[in-house]
Amino acid sequence: MKVKDVELFEKLKSQVQHLFYEMSSLSKKSPDGPINKFKLKFINEKLRESNSFLVGPHKPFADFECFDDSNLPTNSDVVLILSQYIDCLEGFRCANTTRDGLIHWKWNTDESTSIRTDPPTRFKKGEE
């Protein structure tokens, strides 16, 4: 990965998490209520951006790209999908990090810049 990709990824993951929190709040009040087109536009934008990182085994659903804005999904549908994307984004992050010494973790980049990150929440075989 390039440094600029790491920066884009971290921003994207944060945005998807915040969309999830907002939609979860709406879903608790009205789970079967349809989402409005304004919100759906931004959610779909972030899902498309996520799909650029989440390819192959990291993609949550093989046949899902984004929501159809002509058939508005419910709040709970959006929460379900966003939660899967958050999990897969975290899996992608974990798969692209390595130990930087005994304590710290860093992103695997193809540049000399070292970008620290949080420890992975799941480990690749042999890294426990």
C-alpha atoms as a PDB file:
ATOM      1  CA  MET A   1       0.000   0.000   0.000  1.00  0.00           C
ATOM      2  CA  LYS A   2       1.018   3.566  -0.563  1.00  0.00           C
ATOM      3  CA  VAL A   3       0.979   6.113   2.267  1.00  0.00           C
ATOM      4  CA  LYS A   4      -1.841   8.039   0.569  1.00  0.00           C
ATOM      5  CA  ASP A   5      -3.894   4.814   0.459  1.00  0.00           C
ATOM      6  CA  VAL A   6      -3.417   4.319   4.197  1.00  0.00           C
ATOM      7  CA  GLU A   7      -4.570   7.880   4.840  1.00  0.00           C
ATOM      8  CA  LEU A   8      -7.638   7.396   2.627  1.00  0.00           C
ATOM      9  CA  PHE A   9      -8.405   4.071   4.288  1.00  0.00           C
ATOM     10  CA  GLU A  10      -8.232   5.473   7.816  1.00  0.00           C
ATOM     11  CA  LYS A  11     -10.519   8.368   6.919  1.00  0.00           C
ATOM     12  CA  LEU A  12     -12.935   6.013   5.163  1.00  0.00           C
ATOM     13  CA  LYS A  13     -13.073   3.543   8.053  1.00  0.00           C
ATOM     14  CA  SER A  14     -13.847   6.360  10.466  1.00  0.00           C
ATOM     15  CA  GLN A  15     -16.597   7.703   8.221  1.00  0.00           C
ATOM     16  CA  VAL A  16     -18.205   4.272   7.809  1.00  0.00           C
ATOM     17  CA  GLN A  17     -18.126   3.778  11.587  1.00  0.00           C
ATOM     18  CA  HIS A  18     -19.805   7.131  12.169  1.00  0.00           C
ATOM     19  CA  LEU A  19     -22.463   6.373   9.560  1.00  0.00           C
ATOM     20  CA  PHE A  20     -23.070   3.089  11.366  1.00  0.00           C
ATOM     21  CA  TYR A  21     -23.497   4.877  14.728  1.00  0.00           C
ATOM     22  CA  GLU A  22     -25.936   7.385  13.239  1.00  0.00           C
ATOM     23  CA  MET A  23     -27.936   4.716  11.424  1.00  0.00           C
ATOM     24  CA  SER A  24     -27.987   2.486  14.513  1.00  0.00           C
ATOM     25  CA  SER A  25     -29.569   5.323  16.434  1.00  0.00           C
ATOM     26  CA  LEU A  26     -32.226   5.775  13.742  1.00  0.00           C
ATOM     27  CA  SER A  27     -32.770   2.045  13.517  1.00  0.00           C
ATOM     28  CA  LYS A  28     -33.536   1.789  17.230  1.00  0.00           C
ATOM     29  CA  LYS A  29     -36.311   4.351  16.829  1.00  0.00           C
ATOM     30  CA  SER A  30     -37.653   3.101  13.508  1.00  0.00           C
ATOM     31  CA  PRO A  31     -36.023  -0.123  12.257  1.00  0.00           C
ATOM     32  CA  ASP A  32     -38.409  -0.611   9.339  1.00  0.00           C
ATOM     33  CA  GLY A  33     -38.475   3.050   8.327  1.00  0.00           C
ATOM     34  CA  PRO A  34     -37.013   3.784   4.909  1.00  0.00           C
ATOM     35  CA  ILE A  35     -33.827   5.814   4.766  1.00  0.00           C
ATOM     36  CA  ASN A  36     -34.067   9.073   2.852  1.00  0.00           C
ATOM     37  CA  LYS A  37     -32.254   9.635  -0.453  1.00  0.00           C
ATOM     38  CA  PHE A  38     -30.006  12.319   1.004  1.00  0.00           C
ATOM     39  CA  LYS A  39     -28.471   9.942   3.569  1.00  0.00           C
ATOM     40  CA  LEU A  40     -28.403   7.060   1.108  1.00  0.00           C
ATOM     41  CA  LYS A  41     -26.300   9.103  -1.313  1.00  0.00           C
ATOM     42  CA  PHE A  42     -23.513   9.455   1.268  1.00  0.00           C
ATOM     43  CA  ILE A  43     -23.780   5.881   2.501  1.00  0.00           C
ATOM     44  CA  ASN A  44     -23.501   4.558  -1.056  1.00  0.00           C
ATOM     45  CA  GLU A  45     -20.509   6.821  -1.686  1.00  0.00           C
ATOM     46  CA  LYS A  46     -18.680   5.323   1.312  1.00  0.00           C
ATOM     47  CA  LEU A  47     -19.675   1.772   0.334  1.00  0.00           C
ATOM     48  CA  ARG A  48     -18.249   2.302  -3.163  1.00  0.00           C
ATOM     49  CA  GLU A  49     -15.025   3.680  -1.708  1.00  0.00           C
ATOM     50  CA  SER A  50     -14.849   0.701   0.662  1.00  0.00           C
ATOM     51  CA  ASN A  51     -15.265  -1.681  -2.256  1.00  0.00           C
ATOM     52  CA  SER A  52     -12.062  -0.307  -3.772  1.00  0.00           C
ATOM     53  CA  PHE A  53     -10.168  -1.698  -0.753  1.00  0.00           C
ATOM     54  CA  LEU A  54     -12.312  -4.732  -0.003  1.00  0.00           C
ATOM     55  CA  VAL A  55     -11.617  -7.085  -2.869  1.00  0.00           C
ATOM     56  CA  GLY A  56     -11.465 -10.863  -2.896  1.00  0.00           C
ATOM     57  CA  PRO A  57     -11.711 -12.399   0.566  1.00  0.00           C
ATOM     58  CA  HIS A  58     -12.139  -9.002   2.227  1.00  0.00           C
ATOM     59  CA  LYS A  59     -15.393  -8.150   0.437  1.00  0.00           C
ATOM     60  CA  PRO A  60     -18.406  -8.635   2.723  1.00  0.00           C
ATOM     61  CA  PHE A  61     -20.812  -9.863   0.036  1.00  0.00           C
ATOM     62  CA  ALA A  62     -19.789 -11.017  -3.429  1.00  0.00           C
ATOM     63  CA  ASP A  63     -22.841  -9.602  -5.203  1.00  0.00           C
ATOM     64  CA  PHE A  64     -23.377  -6.366  -3.232  1.00  0.00           C
ATOM     65  CA  GLU A  65     -21.943  -3.036  -4.388  1.00  0.00           C
ATOM     66  CA  CYS A  66     -24.305  -0.445  -2.924  1.00  0.00           C
ATOM     67  CA  PHE A  67     -27.979   0.185  -2.221  1.00  0.00           C
ATOM     68  CA  ASP A  68     -30.465   0.819  -5.010  1.00  0.00           C
ATOM     69  CA  ASP A  69     -31.759   4.364  -4.581  1.00  0.00           C
ATOM     70  CA  SER A  70     -34.964   3.575  -6.474  1.00  0.00           C
ATOM     71  CA  ASN A  71     -35.927   1.020  -3.801  1.00  0.00           C
ATOM     72  CA  LEU A  72     -34.997   2.691  -0.510  1.00  0.00           C
ATOM     73  CA  PRO A  73     -33.648   0.287   2.128  1.00  0.00           C
ATOM     74  CA  THR A  74     -34.822   0.341   5.726  1.00  0.00           C
ATOM     75  CA  ASN A  75     -32.737   1.751   8.539  1.00  0.00           C
ATOM     76  CA  SER A  76     -32.081  -1.764   9.854  1.00  0.00           C
ATOM     77  CA  ASP A  77     -30.973  -2.950   6.384  1.00  0.00           C
ATOM     78  CA  VAL A  78     -28.389  -0.167   6.284  1.00  0.00           C
ATOM     79  CA  VAL A  79     -27.173  -0.998   9.801  1.00  0.00           C
ATOM     80  CA  LEU A  80     -26.750  -4.650   8.838  1.00  0.00           C
ATOM     81  CA  ILE A  81     -24.665  -3.829   5.770  1.00  0.00           C
ATOM     82  CA  LEU A  82     -22.577  -1.127   7.453  1.00  0.00           C
ATOM     83  CA  SER A  83     -21.731  -3.486  10.328  1.00  0.00           C
ATOM     84  CA  GLN A  84     -20.445  -6.067   7.845  1.00  0.00           C
ATOM     85  CA  TYR A  85     -18.372  -3.432   6.065  1.00  0.00           C
ATOM     86  CA  ILE A  86     -16.853  -2.240   9.344  1.00  0.00           C
ATOM     87  CA  ASP A  87     -15.847  -5.789  10.193  1.00  0.00           C
ATOM     88  CA  CYS A  88     -14.315  -6.363   6.762  1.00  0.00           C
ATOM     89  CA  LEU A  89     -12.498  -3.016   6.825  1.00  0.00           C
ATOM     90  CA  GLU A  90     -10.958  -4.053  10.134  1.00  0.00           C
ATOM     91  CA  GLY A  91      -9.999  -7.417   8.639  1.00  0.00           C
ATOM     92  CA  PHE A  92      -8.308  -5.606   5.763  1.00  0.00           C
ATOM     93  CA  ARG A  93      -6.424  -3.369   8.204  1.00  0.00           C
ATOM     94  CA  CYS A  94      -5.247  -6.362  10.236  1.00  0.00           C
ATOM     95  CA  ALA A  95      -4.092  -8.179   7.103  1.00  0.00           C
ATOM     96  CA  ASN A  96      -2.001  -5.161   6.105  1.00  0.00           C
ATOM     97  CA  THR A  97      -0.149  -4.501   9.363  1.00  0.00           C
ATOM     98  CA  THR A  98       3.016  -5.907  10.898  1.00  0.00           C
ATOM     99  CA  ARG A  99       4.851  -5.624  14.179  1.00  0.00           C
ATOM    100  CA  ASP A 100       7.256  -2.724  14.466  1.00  0.00           C
ATOM    101  CA  GLY A 101       9.407  -3.953  17.319  1.00  0.00           C
ATOM    102  CA  LEU A 102       7.950  -5.632  20.387  1.00  0.00           C
ATOM    103  CA  ILE A 103       5.107  -3.253  21.164  1.00  0.00           C
ATOM    104  CA  HIS A 104       4.122  -1.165  18.156  1.00  0.00           C
ATOM    105  CA  TRP A 105       2.316  -2.084  14.949  1.00  0.00           C
ATOM    106  CA  LYS A 106       2.617  -0.396  11.565  1.00  0.00           C
ATOM    107  CA  TRP A 107       0.987  -0.461   8.169  1.00  0.00           C
ATOM    108  CA  ASN A 108       2.680  -2.442   5.417  1.00  0.00           C
ATOM    109  CA  THR A 109       3.594   0.219   2.887  1.00  0.00           C
ATOM    110  CA  ASP A 110       5.725   0.088  -0.211  1.00  0.00           C
ATOM    111  CA  GLU A 111       7.403   3.323   0.856  1.00  0.00           C
ATOM    112  CA  SER A 112      10.023   4.058   3.501  1.00  0.00           C
ATOM    113  CA  THR A 113       7.505   5.963   5.642  1.00  0.00           C
ATOM    114  CA  SER A 114       6.395   4.064   8.736  1.00  0.00           C
ATOM    115  CA  ILE A 115       2.785   4.617   9.776  1.00  0.00           C
ATOM    116  CA  ARG A 116       1.857   3.300  13.198  1.00  0.00           C
ATOM    117  CA  THR A 117      -1.528   1.752  13.791  1.00  0.00           C
ATOM    118  CA  ASP A 118      -3.421   0.049  16.572  1.00  0.00           C
ATOM    119  CA  PRO A 119      -2.680  -3.600  17.277  1.00  0.00           C
ATOM    120  CA  PRO A 120      -4.744  -5.920  15.110  1.00  0.00           C
ATOM    121  CA  THR A 121      -7.984  -7.239  16.528  1.00  0.00           C
ATOM    122  CA  ARG A 122      -7.367 -10.524  14.721  1.00  0.00           C
ATOM    123  CA  PHE A 123      -4.123 -12.186  13.818  1.00  0.00           C
ATOM    124  CA  LYS A 124      -2.787 -13.961  10.785  1.00  0.00           C
ATOM    125  CA  LYS A 125      -1.770 -17.533  11.439  1.00  0.00           C
ATOM    126  CA  GLY A 126       1.552 -17.631  13.261  1.00  0.00           C
ATOM    127  CA  GLU A 127       1.433 -14.034  14.590  1.00  0.00           C
ATOM    128  CA  GLU A 128      -0.333 -14.631  17.887  1.00  0.00           C
END
